[in-house]
Amino acid sequence: MKTGEKLLQVHGIVVEALPGLLFRVKSQSSNGEKEILAHLAGRLKLNRIKVIPGDKVIMEMTNENDTRGRIVRRL
């Protein structure tokens, strides 16, 4: 992501854990449900926060690509 770029924060539920710290997340946005491929943010990796299927998370996404995101918080 570029510096200074506007990011959208979206709530979602982790559906599936994939290899390489990737997760399939079902978003709960206003324009309907969509499955997004998301990776963990660096802060979650450094603090060894475990994310498992069924967890509620907050993701950051760009306006350009709505199929990929970054998990920034586990709720």
C-alpha atoms as a PDB file:
ATOM      1  CA  MET A   1       0.000   0.000   0.000  1.00  0.00           C
ATOM      2  CA  LYS A   2       1.197   3.469  -0.829  1.00  0.00           C
ATOM      3  CA  THR A   3       1.933   6.016   1.862  1.00  0.00           C
ATOM      4  CA  GLY A   4      -0.830   8.546   2.372  1.00  0.00           C
ATOM      5  CA  GLU A   5      -3.406   6.302   0.729  1.00  0.00           C
ATOM      6  CA  LYS A   6      -6.957   6.320   2.150  1.00  0.00           C
ATOM      7  CA  LEU A   7      -7.819   2.957   3.768  1.00  0.00           C
ATOM      8  CA  LEU A   8     -11.245   1.540   4.500  1.00  0.00           C
ATOM      9  CA  GLN A   9     -11.819  -0.314   7.754  1.00  0.00           C
ATOM     10  CA  VAL A  10     -14.148  -3.294   7.407  1.00  0.00           C
ATOM     11  CA  HIS A  11     -15.394  -5.738  10.045  1.00  0.00           C
ATOM     12  CA  GLY A  12     -15.424  -9.424   9.186  1.00  0.00           C
ATOM     13  CA  ILE A  13     -15.334 -13.020  10.408  1.00  0.00           C
ATOM     14  CA  VAL A  14     -12.461 -15.393   9.614  1.00  0.00           C
ATOM     15  CA  VAL A  15     -13.785 -18.338   7.599  1.00  0.00           C
ATOM     16  CA  GLU A  16     -10.607 -20.266   6.769  1.00  0.00           C
ATOM     17  CA  ALA A  17      -6.913 -20.191   7.677  1.00  0.00           C
ATOM     18  CA  LEU A  18      -4.613 -20.707   4.681  1.00  0.00           C
ATOM     19  CA  PRO A  19      -0.852 -21.379   4.497  1.00  0.00           C
ATOM     20  CA  GLY A  20       1.536 -18.439   4.751  1.00  0.00           C
ATOM     21  CA  LEU A  21      -0.508 -16.452   7.330  1.00  0.00           C
ATOM     22  CA  LEU A  22      -3.301 -15.811   4.823  1.00  0.00           C
ATOM     23  CA  PHE A  23      -6.939 -15.907   5.857  1.00  0.00           C
ATOM     24  CA  ARG A  24     -10.237 -16.024   3.998  1.00  0.00           C
ATOM     25  CA  VAL A  25     -12.505 -13.474   5.691  1.00  0.00           C
ATOM     26  CA  LYS A  26     -16.219 -12.880   5.108  1.00  0.00           C
ATOM     27  CA  SER A  27     -16.756  -9.111   5.247  1.00  0.00           C
ATOM     28  CA  GLN A  28     -19.799  -7.535   6.848  1.00  0.00           C
ATOM     29  CA  SER A  29     -19.913  -4.325   4.835  1.00  0.00           C
ATOM     30  CA  SER A  30     -22.934  -2.279   3.821  1.00  0.00           C
ATOM     31  CA  ASN A  31     -22.779  -3.427   0.167  1.00  0.00           C
ATOM     32  CA  GLY A  32     -23.335  -7.120   0.975  1.00  0.00           C
ATOM     33  CA  GLU A  33     -21.186 -10.023   2.089  1.00  0.00           C
ATOM     34  CA  LYS A  34     -17.976 -10.738   0.224  1.00  0.00           C
ATOM     35  CA  GLU A  35     -15.052 -13.111   0.827  1.00  0.00           C
ATOM     36  CA  ILE A  36     -11.697 -11.355   1.050  1.00  0.00           C
ATOM     37  CA  LEU A  37      -8.183 -12.764   1.141  1.00  0.00           C
ATOM     38  CA  ALA A  38      -6.333 -11.073   4.019  1.00  0.00           C
ATOM     39  CA  HIS A  39      -2.905 -11.256   5.648  1.00  0.00           C
ATOM     40  CA  LEU A  40      -1.828 -10.293   9.162  1.00  0.00           C
ATOM     41  CA  ALA A  41      -0.478  -6.838   9.911  1.00  0.00           C
ATOM     42  CA  GLY A  42       3.072  -6.626  11.255  1.00  0.00           C
ATOM     43  CA  ARG A  43       1.969  -5.653  14.771  1.00  0.00           C
ATOM     44  CA  LEU A  44      -0.090  -8.844  15.092  1.00  0.00           C
ATOM     45  CA  LYS A  45       2.851 -10.947  13.914  1.00  0.00           C
ATOM     46  CA  LEU A  46       5.311  -9.297  16.311  1.00  0.00           C
ATOM     47  CA  ASN A  47       3.023  -9.784  19.308  1.00  0.00           C
ATOM     48  CA  ARG A  48       2.152 -13.336  18.196  1.00  0.00           C
ATOM     49  CA  ILE A  49      -1.606 -12.767  18.211  1.00  0.00           C
ATOM     50  CA  LYS A  50      -3.352 -15.973  17.163  1.00  0.00           C
ATOM     51  CA  VAL A  51      -6.175 -15.681  14.632  1.00  0.00           C
ATOM     52  CA  ILE A  52      -8.349 -18.750  14.090  1.00  0.00           C
ATOM     53  CA  PRO A  53     -11.514 -19.425  12.062  1.00  0.00           C
ATOM     54  CA  GLY A  54     -14.547 -17.922  13.749  1.00  0.00           C
ATOM     55  CA  ASP A  55     -12.721 -14.840  15.101  1.00  0.00           C
ATOM     56  CA  LYS A  56     -14.148 -11.377  14.454  1.00  0.00           C
ATOM     57  CA  VAL A  57     -11.542  -9.051  12.968  1.00  0.00           C
ATOM     58  CA  ILE A  58     -11.077  -5.538  11.604  1.00  0.00           C
ATOM     59  CA  MET A  59      -9.408  -5.274   8.182  1.00  0.00           C
ATOM     60  CA  GLU A  60      -7.922  -2.402   6.222  1.00  0.00           C
ATOM     61  CA  MET A  61      -8.550  -2.321   2.482  1.00  0.00           C
ATOM     62  CA  THR A  62      -7.799   0.123  -0.323  1.00  0.00           C
ATOM     63  CA  ASN A  63     -10.433   1.519  -2.650  1.00  0.00           C
ATOM     64  CA  GLU A  64      -8.618   0.074  -5.671  1.00  0.00           C
ATOM     65  CA  ASN A  65      -8.581  -3.621  -4.723  1.00  0.00           C
ATOM     66  CA  ASP A  66     -11.578  -4.948  -2.812  1.00  0.00           C
ATOM     67  CA  THR A  67     -10.500  -8.612  -2.901  1.00  0.00           C
ATOM     68  CA  ARG A  68      -7.412  -8.283  -0.652  1.00  0.00           C
ATOM     69  CA  GLY A  69      -6.872  -6.760   2.747  1.00  0.00           C
ATOM     70  CA  ARG A  70      -4.807  -6.648   5.923  1.00  0.00           C
ATOM     71  CA  ILE A  71      -6.045  -7.793   9.345  1.00  0.00           C
ATOM     72  CA  VAL A  72      -5.171  -5.062  11.836  1.00  0.00           C
ATOM     73  CA  ARG A  73      -7.180  -6.086  14.907  1.00  0.00           C
ATOM     74  CA  ARG A  74      -8.785  -9.183  16.435  1.00  0.00           C
ATOM     75  CA  LEU A  75     -11.965  -8.507  18.370  1.00  0.00           C
END
